[in-house]
Amino acid sequence: MKLVFRAEFFREGEFYVGIVPELDVSSFGKSLEEARASLKEAVEAFLEECEAMGTLEEVLQEAGFTHDGHIWSARSPLATEILSVG
C-alpha cells in the first residue's frame, strides 16, 4: 500500500517536530531530515497498527484520504492561512 500524505514541520527549541494533521501522528528529531525520517516511521507504525486492528480503510476514509486502487492520497487544502482573533 502506498500513502501520500501532508506533513508539517516546526522548530521547537532544539528540535524539529513533524506532524501529519489528518492522522494526528507526530514525531521529532534534532534536524529536519531526522524529524522527517522519524515521522515516516511513526506513520508506518500507525498504519501497521490500524491494519492489525482491521480499521485501516475506515481510519483513512474518516481522515479524508481517497483511494484510486493503488494509492491513498490526502486531500489538498484550498488555502492555508494564519489567522488571528481578539
Protein backbone atom coordinates (compact mmCIF):
# COMPACT_ATOMS: atom_id res chain seq x y z
CA MET A 1 0.00 0.00 0.00
CA LYS A 2 1.22 3.48 -0.82
CA LEU A 3 0.07 6.50 1.19
CA VAL A 4 0.70 10.08 0.08
CA PHE A 5 0.28 12.48 2.99
CA ARG A 6 0.91 16.08 4.00
CA ALA A 7 3.45 16.76 6.74
CA GLU A 8 4.12 19.99 8.58
CA PHE A 9 7.39 20.75 10.37
CA PHE A 10 8.09 23.24 13.12
CA ARG A 11 11.10 24.25 15.16
CA GLU A 12 10.58 23.82 18.90
CA GLY A 13 13.69 24.70 20.89
CA GLU A 14 16.49 22.35 19.86
CA PHE A 15 14.17 20.00 17.99
CA TYR A 16 12.23 19.83 14.76
CA VAL A 17 8.71 18.48 15.16
CA GLY A 18 6.79 16.91 12.31
CA ILE A 19 3.06 16.30 12.28
CA VAL A 20 0.55 14.68 9.96
CA PRO A 21 -2.61 16.59 10.90
CA GLU A 22 -5.09 14.25 9.19
CA LEU A 23 -3.80 11.22 11.12
CA ASP A 24 -2.88 13.03 14.35
CA VAL A 25 0.60 11.49 14.18
CA SER A 26 3.73 13.37 15.19
CA SER A 27 7.42 12.82 15.81
CA PHE A 28 10.63 14.82 16.17
CA GLY A 29 14.36 14.92 15.51
CA LYS A 30 17.44 17.04 16.07
CA SER A 31 17.46 18.02 12.38
CA LEU A 32 14.77 18.45 9.75
CA GLU A 33 15.99 15.30 7.99
CA GLU A 34 15.87 13.31 11.25
CA ALA A 35 12.38 14.62 12.01
CA ARG A 36 11.21 13.68 8.51
CA ALA A 37 12.58 10.12 8.83
CA SER A 38 11.15 9.76 12.33
CA LEU A 39 7.74 10.97 11.16
CA LYS A 40 7.70 8.45 8.31
CA GLU A 41 8.47 5.67 10.81
CA ALA A 42 5.68 6.89 13.10
CA VAL A 43 3.19 6.92 10.21
CA GLU A 44 4.26 3.41 9.16
CA ALA A 45 3.78 2.15 12.74
CA PHE A 46 0.37 3.84 12.93
CA LEU A 47 -0.74 2.24 9.65
CA GLU A 48 0.53 -1.19 10.71
CA GLU A 49 -1.42 -0.97 13.96
CA CYS A 50 -4.59 0.11 12.14
CA GLU A 51 -4.17 -2.75 9.70
CA ALA A 52 -3.66 -5.24 12.55
CA MET A 53 -6.88 -3.98 14.16
CA GLY A 54 -8.75 -4.20 10.85
CA THR A 55 -9.57 -0.48 10.81
CA LEU A 56 -7.09 0.88 8.26
CA GLU A 57 -9.52 1.66 5.45
CA GLU A 58 -12.06 3.20 7.84
CA VAL A 59 -9.42 5.39 9.53
CA LEU A 60 -8.08 6.67 6.20
CA GLN A 61 -11.55 7.41 4.84
CA GLU A 62 -12.56 9.26 8.01
CA ALA A 63 -9.34 11.30 7.78
CA GLY A 64 -10.33 12.45 4.26
CA PHE A 65 -7.97 10.26 2.20
CA THR A 66 -9.11 9.00 -1.19
CA HIS A 67 -8.15 5.70 -2.81
CA ASP A 68 -7.60 5.21 -6.54
CA GLY A 69 -6.98 1.46 -6.39
CA HIS A 70 -3.25 1.60 -5.60
CA ILE A 71 -2.58 4.86 -3.76
CA TRP A 72 -4.25 6.52 -0.78
CA SER A 73 -3.92 10.31 -1.10
CA ALA A 74 -4.56 13.09 1.38
CA ARG A 75 -6.89 15.84 0.33
CA SER A 76 -5.22 19.10 -0.62
CA PRO A 77 -6.29 22.26 1.17
CA LEU A 78 -7.80 25.03 -0.94
CA ALA A 79 -5.85 27.58 1.09
CA THR A 80 -3.51 27.73 4.04
CA GLU A 81 -3.70 30.82 6.17
CA ILE A 82 -2.57 32.07 9.54
CA LEU A 83 -5.45 33.96 11.14
CA SER A 84 -5.99 35.70 14.46
CA VAL A 85 -8.88 36.86 16.59
CA GLY A 86 -9.15 39.21 19.52
